[in-house]
């Protein structure tokens, strides 16, 4: 999981950004050190949940295996996925992310409404000191067309 980039579960899942108290600029990924707005002398940065919905601004598919640090098993065949740029409803900023598994570029169109949902980036089996198998799950966010179950 990317620390402090999202919170919640199911219908309460949200990406987390920060808002400058001086100029009201919103940032994602979050900014904790300074206001990124070049016209602002800075202010306190407050964590804010971002809009759970937006509209597709653009999209493409990933037909090649990205290099590290992208997490994928080199022993398994590569499975392309849809990558979506979404303009968030209230913030009017564009956030990138993968589509939910099973949604391809053929299912998408510019302007389509999508919602952010929790997703799995990678699951890895690990063995702890007691020789018991355990699994580690790295979570992320995915975009899902509104009205599509996944």
N, C-alpha and C. Protein backbone atom coordinates (compact mmCIF):
# COMPACT_ATOMS: atom_id res chain seq x y z
N UNK A 1 0.85 -1.18 0.00
CA UNK A 1 0.00 0.00 0.00
C UNK A 1 0.89 1.24 0.00
N UNK A 2 0.50 2.22 -0.75
CA UNK A 2 1.20 3.50 -0.74
C UNK A 2 0.68 4.26 0.48
N UNK A 3 1.55 4.51 1.44
CA UNK A 3 1.13 5.10 2.71
C UNK A 3 0.48 6.46 2.51
N UNK A 4 -0.68 6.62 3.11
CA UNK A 4 -1.40 7.89 3.18
C UNK A 4 -1.90 8.43 1.84
N UNK A 5 -2.00 7.58 0.82
CA UNK A 5 -2.55 8.03 -0.45
C UNK A 5 -4.04 7.75 -0.57
N UNK A 6 -4.56 6.83 0.25
CA UNK A 6 -5.98 6.52 0.22
C UNK A 6 -6.38 5.94 1.57
N UNK A 7 -7.70 5.90 1.81
CA UNK A 7 -8.22 5.39 3.07
C UNK A 7 -9.64 4.89 2.85
N UNK A 8 -10.10 4.08 3.78
CA UNK A 8 -11.47 3.60 3.74
C UNK A 8 -11.62 2.31 2.97
N UNK A 9 -12.84 1.80 2.97
CA UNK A 9 -13.17 0.57 2.29
C UNK A 9 -14.49 0.72 1.58
N UNK A 10 -14.71 -0.13 0.58
CA UNK A 10 -15.97 -0.21 -0.16
C UNK A 10 -16.46 1.18 -0.57
N UNK A 11 -17.68 1.55 -0.16
CA UNK A 11 -18.27 2.84 -0.57
C UNK A 11 -17.60 4.04 0.09
N UNK A 12 -16.81 3.80 1.13
CA UNK A 12 -16.12 4.89 1.83
C UNK A 12 -14.68 5.05 1.38
N UNK A 13 -14.26 4.32 0.35
CA UNK A 13 -12.88 4.38 -0.14
C UNK A 13 -12.65 5.73 -0.83
N UNK A 14 -11.55 6.41 -0.49
CA UNK A 14 -11.23 7.71 -1.08
C UNK A 14 -9.73 7.84 -1.27
N UNK A 15 -9.36 8.52 -2.34
CA UNK A 15 -7.98 8.97 -2.49
C UNK A 15 -7.82 10.15 -1.54
N UNK A 16 -6.62 10.31 -0.98
CA UNK A 16 -6.36 11.42 -0.06
C UNK A 16 -5.39 12.40 -0.71
N UNK A 17 -5.74 13.64 -0.66
CA UNK A 17 -4.87 14.70 -1.14
C UNK A 17 -4.61 15.68 -0.03
N UNK A 18 -3.99 16.79 -0.37
CA UNK A 18 -3.80 17.86 0.59
C UNK A 18 -4.26 19.18 -0.06
N UNK A 19 -4.75 20.08 0.78
CA UNK A 19 -5.21 21.40 0.32
C UNK A 19 -4.43 22.46 1.08
N UNK A 20 -3.93 23.45 0.34
CA UNK A 20 -3.22 24.57 0.93
C UNK A 20 -4.23 25.53 1.57
N UNK A 21 -3.98 25.90 2.82
CA UNK A 21 -4.89 26.82 3.52
C UNK A 21 -4.80 28.24 2.99
N UNK A 22 -3.69 28.59 2.34
CA UNK A 22 -3.52 29.95 1.83
C UNK A 22 -4.20 30.16 0.47
N UNK A 23 -4.04 29.21 -0.45
CA UNK A 23 -4.56 29.42 -1.81
C UNK A 23 -5.62 28.42 -2.22
N UNK A 24 -5.88 27.41 -1.40
CA UNK A 24 -6.89 26.37 -1.63
C UNK A 24 -6.53 25.40 -2.75
N UNK A 25 -5.29 25.42 -3.23
CA UNK A 25 -4.86 24.44 -4.23
C UNK A 25 -4.88 23.04 -3.61
N UNK A 26 -5.32 22.07 -4.41
CA UNK A 26 -5.40 20.68 -3.96
C UNK A 26 -4.35 19.88 -4.71
N UNK A 27 -3.68 18.97 -4.00
CA UNK A 27 -2.60 18.19 -4.58
C UNK A 27 -2.82 16.69 -4.42
N UNK A 28 -2.56 15.94 -5.47
CA UNK A 28 -2.47 14.49 -5.43
C UNK A 28 -1.41 14.10 -6.43
N UNK A 29 -0.43 13.28 -6.03
CA UNK A 29 -0.33 12.74 -4.69
C UNK A 29 -0.16 13.86 -3.67
N UNK A 30 -0.45 13.51 -2.45
CA UNK A 30 -0.43 14.47 -1.35
C UNK A 30 0.92 15.18 -1.25
N UNK A 31 0.88 16.35 -0.71
CA UNK A 31 2.09 17.15 -0.47
C UNK A 31 2.08 17.52 1.00
N UNK A 32 3.15 17.21 1.70
CA UNK A 32 3.19 17.50 3.13
C UNK A 32 4.23 18.55 3.49
N UNK A 33 5.05 18.98 2.53
CA UNK A 33 6.13 19.91 2.86
C UNK A 33 5.85 21.36 2.53
N UNK A 34 5.28 21.64 1.35
CA UNK A 34 5.08 23.02 0.92
C UNK A 34 4.02 23.06 -0.17
N UNK A 35 3.46 24.23 -0.39
CA UNK A 35 2.48 24.42 -1.45
C UNK A 35 3.19 24.40 -2.79
N UNK A 36 2.72 23.56 -3.71
CA UNK A 36 3.33 23.44 -5.04
C UNK A 36 2.89 24.55 -6.00
N UNK A 37 1.93 25.34 -5.60
CA UNK A 37 1.45 26.42 -6.46
C UNK A 37 2.54 27.51 -6.50
N UNK A 38 3.13 27.78 -7.68
CA UNK A 38 4.22 28.76 -7.74
C UNK A 38 3.79 30.18 -7.39
N UNK A 39 2.50 30.48 -7.45
CA UNK A 39 2.02 31.81 -7.13
C UNK A 39 1.63 31.98 -5.67
N UNK A 40 1.88 30.95 -4.86
CA UNK A 40 1.48 30.98 -3.45
C UNK A 40 2.71 31.01 -2.57
N UNK A 41 2.67 31.85 -1.56
CA UNK A 41 3.79 31.91 -0.62
C UNK A 41 3.71 30.80 0.42
N UNK A 42 2.67 30.01 0.35
CA UNK A 42 2.56 28.84 1.22
C UNK A 42 1.59 29.02 2.35
N UNK A 43 1.22 27.91 2.88
CA UNK A 43 0.29 27.86 4.01
C UNK A 43 0.30 26.47 4.57
N UNK A 44 -0.53 26.26 5.55
CA UNK A 44 -0.66 24.92 6.10
C UNK A 44 -1.31 24.01 5.07
N UNK A 45 -0.89 22.76 5.06
CA UNK A 45 -1.45 21.77 4.15
C UNK A 45 -2.30 20.80 4.96
N UNK A 46 -3.57 20.71 4.61
CA UNK A 46 -4.51 19.87 5.32
C UNK A 46 -4.90 18.68 4.46
N UNK A 47 -4.95 17.49 5.06
CA UNK A 47 -5.38 16.30 4.34
C UNK A 47 -6.86 16.43 4.00
N UNK A 48 -7.22 16.08 2.76
CA UNK A 48 -8.61 16.11 2.32
C UNK A 48 -8.91 14.87 1.49
N UNK A 49 -10.10 14.28 1.69
CA UNK A 49 -10.51 13.19 0.80
C UNK A 49 -10.90 13.80 -0.54
N UNK A 50 -10.51 13.15 -1.61
CA UNK A 50 -10.82 13.65 -2.95
C UNK A 50 -12.15 13.08 -3.44
N UNK A 51 -12.69 13.66 -4.48
CA UNK A 51 -13.96 13.20 -5.04
C UNK A 51 -13.88 11.72 -5.37
N UNK A 52 -14.90 10.96 -5.04
CA UNK A 52 -14.89 9.54 -5.37
C UNK A 52 -15.22 9.26 -6.83
N UNK A 53 -15.71 10.26 -7.54
CA UNK A 53 -16.09 10.08 -8.95
C UNK A 53 -15.47 11.17 -9.83
N UNK A 54 -15.41 10.84 -11.09
CA UNK A 54 -14.94 11.78 -12.08
C UNK A 54 -15.30 11.28 -13.46
N UNK A 55 -14.78 11.96 -14.47
CA UNK A 55 -15.05 11.57 -15.86
C UNK A 55 -13.73 11.27 -16.56
N UNK A 56 -13.80 10.28 -17.45
CA UNK A 56 -12.60 9.89 -18.18
C UNK A 56 -12.15 11.05 -19.06
N UNK A 57 -10.92 11.45 -18.86
CA UNK A 57 -10.29 12.51 -19.64
C UNK A 57 -9.55 11.90 -20.82
N UNK A 58 -8.92 10.74 -20.58
CA UNK A 58 -8.21 9.99 -21.61
C UNK A 58 -7.97 8.58 -21.09
N UNK A 59 -7.58 7.67 -21.98
CA UNK A 59 -7.28 6.31 -21.58
C UNK A 59 -6.42 5.63 -22.64
N UNK A 60 -5.76 4.57 -22.22
CA UNK A 60 -4.94 3.77 -23.13
C UNK A 60 -4.79 2.38 -22.53
N UNK A 61 -4.10 1.50 -23.23
CA UNK A 61 -3.83 0.20 -22.63
C UNK A 61 -2.32 -0.01 -22.51
N UNK A 62 -1.98 -0.80 -21.53
CA UNK A 62 -0.58 -1.10 -21.25
C UNK A 62 -0.29 -2.47 -21.84
N UNK A 63 0.35 -2.50 -22.99
CA UNK A 63 0.60 -3.75 -23.69
C UNK A 63 1.98 -4.33 -23.40
N UNK A 64 2.76 -3.66 -22.57
CA UNK A 64 4.09 -4.18 -22.25
C UNK A 64 4.26 -4.22 -20.73
N UNK A 65 5.17 -5.06 -20.27
CA UNK A 65 5.43 -5.16 -18.83
C UNK A 65 6.30 -3.97 -18.43
N UNK A 66 5.81 -3.10 -17.54
CA UNK A 66 6.63 -1.97 -17.10
C UNK A 66 7.85 -2.46 -16.32
N UNK A 67 8.92 -1.67 -16.32
CA UNK A 67 10.11 -2.05 -15.55
C UNK A 67 9.89 -1.85 -14.06
N UNK A 68 10.80 -2.40 -13.25
CA UNK A 68 10.77 -2.20 -11.80
C UNK A 68 10.82 -0.70 -11.53
N UNK A 69 10.15 -0.22 -10.54
CA UNK A 69 9.63 -0.95 -9.40
C UNK A 69 8.20 -1.47 -9.58
N UNK A 70 7.64 -1.44 -10.82
CA UNK A 70 6.31 -2.00 -11.03
C UNK A 70 6.32 -3.45 -10.59
N UNK A 71 5.31 -3.85 -9.83
CA UNK A 71 5.25 -5.21 -9.29
C UNK A 71 4.52 -6.13 -10.25
N UNK A 72 5.24 -7.11 -10.79
CA UNK A 72 4.62 -8.15 -11.60
C UNK A 72 5.51 -9.39 -11.56
N UNK A 73 4.89 -10.54 -11.71
CA UNK A 73 5.62 -11.80 -11.66
C UNK A 73 6.18 -12.11 -13.04
N UNK A 74 7.51 -12.08 -13.22
CA UNK A 74 8.10 -12.32 -14.54
C UNK A 74 7.89 -13.75 -15.03
N UNK A 75 7.47 -14.65 -14.15
CA UNK A 75 7.21 -16.04 -14.54
C UNK A 75 5.85 -16.20 -15.20
N UNK A 76 4.95 -15.25 -14.99
CA UNK A 76 3.61 -15.32 -15.56
C UNK A 76 3.53 -14.51 -16.84
N UNK A 77 2.68 -14.94 -17.78
CA UNK A 77 2.52 -14.14 -19.01
C UNK A 77 1.95 -12.76 -18.68
N UNK A 78 2.38 -11.76 -19.43
CA UNK A 78 1.92 -10.39 -19.20
C UNK A 78 0.47 -10.26 -19.61
N UNK A 79 -0.33 -9.63 -18.74
CA UNK A 79 -1.74 -9.35 -19.02
C UNK A 79 -1.91 -7.84 -19.17
N UNK A 80 -2.24 -7.37 -20.38
CA UNK A 80 -2.46 -5.92 -20.56
C UNK A 80 -3.59 -5.42 -19.65
N UNK A 81 -3.54 -4.15 -19.32
CA UNK A 81 -4.59 -3.54 -18.52
C UNK A 81 -4.85 -2.14 -19.06
N UNK A 82 -6.04 -1.62 -18.77
CA UNK A 82 -6.41 -0.27 -19.19
C UNK A 82 -5.90 0.73 -18.15
N UNK A 83 -5.32 1.81 -18.62
CA UNK A 83 -4.85 2.91 -17.79
C UNK A 83 -5.74 4.11 -18.11
N UNK A 84 -6.30 4.72 -17.05
CA UNK A 84 -7.29 5.78 -17.24
C UNK A 84 -6.83 7.07 -16.57
N UNK A 85 -6.99 8.19 -17.27
CA UNK A 85 -6.79 9.53 -16.70
C UNK A 85 -8.19 10.09 -16.42
N UNK A 86 -8.45 10.38 -15.14
CA UNK A 86 -9.78 10.79 -14.70
C UNK A 86 -9.74 12.21 -14.17
N UNK A 87 -10.62 13.06 -14.69
CA UNK A 87 -10.78 14.40 -14.13
C UNK A 87 -11.77 14.29 -12.97
N UNK A 88 -11.28 14.58 -11.76
CA UNK A 88 -12.12 14.46 -10.57
C UNK A 88 -13.23 15.50 -10.58
N UNK A 89 -14.38 15.08 -10.08
CA UNK A 89 -15.60 15.87 -10.13
C UNK A 89 -15.46 17.26 -9.51
N UNK A 90 -15.06 17.35 -8.26
CA UNK A 90 -15.01 18.65 -7.58
C UNK A 90 -13.69 19.37 -7.79
N UNK A 91 -12.58 18.63 -7.74
CA UNK A 91 -11.26 19.26 -7.79
C UNK A 91 -10.83 19.69 -9.19
N UNK A 92 -11.44 19.11 -10.21
CA UNK A 92 -11.11 19.43 -11.61
C UNK A 92 -9.63 19.18 -11.91
N UNK A 93 -9.06 18.16 -11.24
CA UNK A 93 -7.68 17.76 -11.49
C UNK A 93 -7.70 16.35 -12.07
N UNK A 94 -6.66 15.99 -12.81
CA UNK A 94 -6.60 14.68 -13.46
C UNK A 94 -5.73 13.74 -12.63
N UNK A 95 -6.26 12.55 -12.35
CA UNK A 95 -5.56 11.51 -11.60
C UNK A 95 -5.52 10.24 -12.45
N UNK A 96 -4.33 9.65 -12.56
CA UNK A 96 -4.17 8.42 -13.33
C UNK A 96 -4.40 7.19 -12.45
N UNK A 97 -4.78 6.10 -13.08
CA UNK A 97 -4.91 4.83 -12.37
C UNK A 97 -5.35 3.75 -13.33
N UNK A 98 -5.22 2.51 -12.87
CA UNK A 98 -5.65 1.37 -13.67
C UNK A 98 -7.16 1.21 -13.59
N UNK A 99 -7.73 0.62 -14.64
CA UNK A 99 -9.13 0.21 -14.60
C UNK A 99 -9.24 -1.05 -13.76
N UNK A 100 -10.41 -1.32 -13.24
CA UNK A 100 -10.62 -2.56 -12.51
C UNK A 100 -10.36 -3.73 -13.46
N UNK A 101 -9.89 -4.85 -12.92
CA UNK A 101 -9.67 -6.02 -13.78
C UNK A 101 -10.93 -6.38 -14.56
N UNK A 102 -10.75 -6.73 -15.81
CA UNK A 102 -11.87 -7.10 -16.67
C UNK A 102 -12.38 -5.97 -17.53
N UNK A 103 -12.06 -4.72 -17.19
CA UNK A 103 -12.47 -3.57 -18.00
C UNK A 103 -11.33 -3.26 -18.96
N UNK A 104 -11.63 -3.23 -20.25
CA UNK A 104 -10.62 -2.95 -21.27
C UNK A 104 -10.91 -1.62 -21.94
N UNK A 105 -10.02 -1.19 -22.81
CA UNK A 105 -10.23 0.08 -23.52
C UNK A 105 -11.48 0.03 -24.39
N UNK A 106 -11.89 -1.16 -24.81
CA UNK A 106 -13.12 -1.29 -25.60
C UNK A 106 -14.36 -0.93 -24.79
N UNK A 107 -14.25 -0.99 -23.45
CA UNK A 107 -15.37 -0.68 -22.57
C UNK A 107 -15.44 0.79 -22.18
N UNK A 108 -14.44 1.58 -22.59
CA UNK A 108 -14.29 2.96 -22.11
C UNK A 108 -14.55 3.97 -23.20
N UNK A 109 -14.92 5.18 -22.79
CA UNK A 109 -15.00 6.30 -23.72
C UNK A 109 -14.77 7.60 -22.95
N UNK A 110 -14.20 8.57 -23.63
CA UNK A 110 -13.95 9.87 -23.01
C UNK A 110 -15.27 10.45 -22.54
N UNK A 111 -15.28 10.98 -21.31
CA UNK A 111 -16.49 11.57 -20.74
C UNK A 111 -17.28 10.61 -19.88
N UNK A 112 -16.96 9.32 -19.94
CA UNK A 112 -17.68 8.31 -19.14
C UNK A 112 -17.42 8.56 -17.66
N UNK A 113 -18.45 8.39 -16.84
CA UNK A 113 -18.29 8.56 -15.40
C UNK A 113 -17.68 7.30 -14.79
N UNK A 114 -16.68 7.50 -13.93
CA UNK A 114 -16.02 6.40 -13.23
C UNK A 114 -15.93 6.74 -11.75
N UNK A 115 -15.69 5.69 -10.94
CA UNK A 115 -15.53 5.87 -9.50
C UNK A 115 -14.29 5.15 -9.04
N UNK A 116 -13.70 5.66 -7.97
CA UNK A 116 -12.50 5.05 -7.42
C UNK A 116 -12.90 3.93 -6.46
N UNK A 117 -12.21 2.79 -6.59
CA UNK A 117 -12.46 1.63 -5.74
C UNK A 117 -11.13 1.04 -5.29
N UNK A 118 -11.12 0.31 -4.16
CA UNK A 118 -9.87 -0.33 -3.76
C UNK A 118 -9.49 -1.42 -4.74
N UNK A 119 -8.19 -1.63 -4.90
CA UNK A 119 -7.70 -2.66 -5.80
C UNK A 119 -6.46 -3.32 -5.23
N UNK A 120 -6.03 -4.37 -5.88
CA UNK A 120 -4.84 -5.10 -5.47
C UNK A 120 -3.76 -4.88 -6.52
N UNK A 121 -2.60 -4.40 -6.07
CA UNK A 121 -1.46 -4.23 -6.95
C UNK A 121 -0.71 -5.55 -7.09
N UNK A 122 -0.46 -6.20 -5.93
CA UNK A 122 0.25 -7.48 -5.96
C UNK A 122 -0.02 -8.24 -4.68
N UNK A 123 -0.03 -9.55 -4.81
CA UNK A 123 -0.09 -10.43 -3.65
C UNK A 123 1.13 -11.32 -3.71
N UNK A 124 1.79 -11.49 -2.59
CA UNK A 124 3.00 -12.30 -2.56
C UNK A 124 2.91 -13.27 -1.38
N UNK A 125 3.28 -14.51 -1.64
CA UNK A 125 3.36 -15.49 -0.56
C UNK A 125 4.70 -15.33 0.13
N UNK A 126 4.68 -15.39 1.44
CA UNK A 126 5.90 -15.28 2.23
C UNK A 126 5.90 -16.37 3.28
N UNK A 127 7.04 -16.73 3.74
CA UNK A 127 7.15 -17.69 4.83
C UNK A 127 7.76 -16.96 6.02
N UNK A 128 7.08 -17.04 7.16
CA UNK A 128 7.62 -16.38 8.34
C UNK A 128 8.56 -17.33 9.08
N UNK A 129 9.12 -16.86 10.18
CA UNK A 129 10.11 -17.64 10.91
C UNK A 129 9.57 -18.95 11.44
N UNK A 130 8.28 -19.06 11.63
CA UNK A 130 7.68 -20.28 12.15
C UNK A 130 7.33 -21.25 11.01
N UNK A 131 7.80 -20.95 9.81
CA UNK A 131 7.54 -21.77 8.62
C UNK A 131 6.05 -21.87 8.27
N UNK A 132 5.30 -20.88 8.67
CA UNK A 132 3.89 -20.85 8.29
C UNK A 132 3.76 -19.93 7.09
N UNK A 133 2.99 -20.37 6.12
CA UNK A 133 2.79 -19.54 4.94
C UNK A 133 1.92 -18.35 5.29
N UNK A 134 2.28 -17.22 4.78
CA UNK A 134 1.48 -16.02 4.94
C UNK A 134 1.52 -15.27 3.62
N UNK A 135 0.59 -14.38 3.45
CA UNK A 135 0.52 -13.62 2.21
C UNK A 135 0.57 -12.13 2.53
N UNK A 136 1.23 -11.38 1.68
CA UNK A 136 1.27 -9.94 1.78
C UNK A 136 0.51 -9.39 0.59
N UNK A 137 -0.39 -8.46 0.84
CA UNK A 137 -1.17 -7.84 -0.23
C UNK A 137 -0.84 -6.36 -0.27
N UNK A 138 -0.43 -5.89 -1.45
CA UNK A 138 -0.19 -4.47 -1.66
C UNK A 138 -1.43 -3.91 -2.34
N UNK A 139 -2.06 -2.95 -1.66
CA UNK A 139 -3.30 -2.39 -2.18
C UNK A 139 -3.04 -1.09 -2.93
N UNK A 140 -3.97 -0.74 -3.78
CA UNK A 140 -3.90 0.47 -4.59
C UNK A 140 -5.32 0.92 -4.88
N UNK A 141 -5.50 1.78 -5.85
CA UNK A 141 -6.83 2.18 -6.29
C UNK A 141 -7.01 1.78 -7.75
N UNK A 142 -8.26 1.57 -8.12
CA UNK A 142 -8.64 1.31 -9.51
C UNK A 142 -9.81 2.21 -9.84
N UNK A 143 -10.00 2.44 -11.14
CA UNK A 143 -11.16 3.18 -11.62
C UNK A 143 -12.16 2.19 -12.20
N UNK A 144 -13.42 2.36 -11.84
CA UNK A 144 -14.49 1.47 -12.32
C UNK A 144 -15.59 2.32 -12.95
N UNK A 145 -15.99 1.98 -14.17
CA UNK A 145 -17.14 2.70 -14.76
C UNK A 145 -18.35 2.59 -13.83
N UNK A 146 -19.05 3.69 -13.62
CA UNK A 146 -20.21 3.72 -12.75
C UNK A 146 -21.26 2.74 -13.31
N UNK A 147 -21.78 1.92 -12.41
CA UNK A 147 -22.79 0.94 -12.81
C UNK A 147 -22.22 -0.42 -13.16
N UNK A 148 -20.89 -0.58 -13.14
CA UNK A 148 -20.25 -1.86 -13.46
C UNK A 148 -19.82 -2.51 -12.16
N UNK A 149 -20.19 -3.74 -11.95
CA UNK A 149 -19.76 -4.47 -10.75
C UNK A 149 -18.43 -5.13 -11.02
N UNK A 150 -17.54 -5.07 -10.03
CA UNK A 150 -16.24 -5.72 -10.16
C UNK A 150 -15.81 -6.28 -8.84
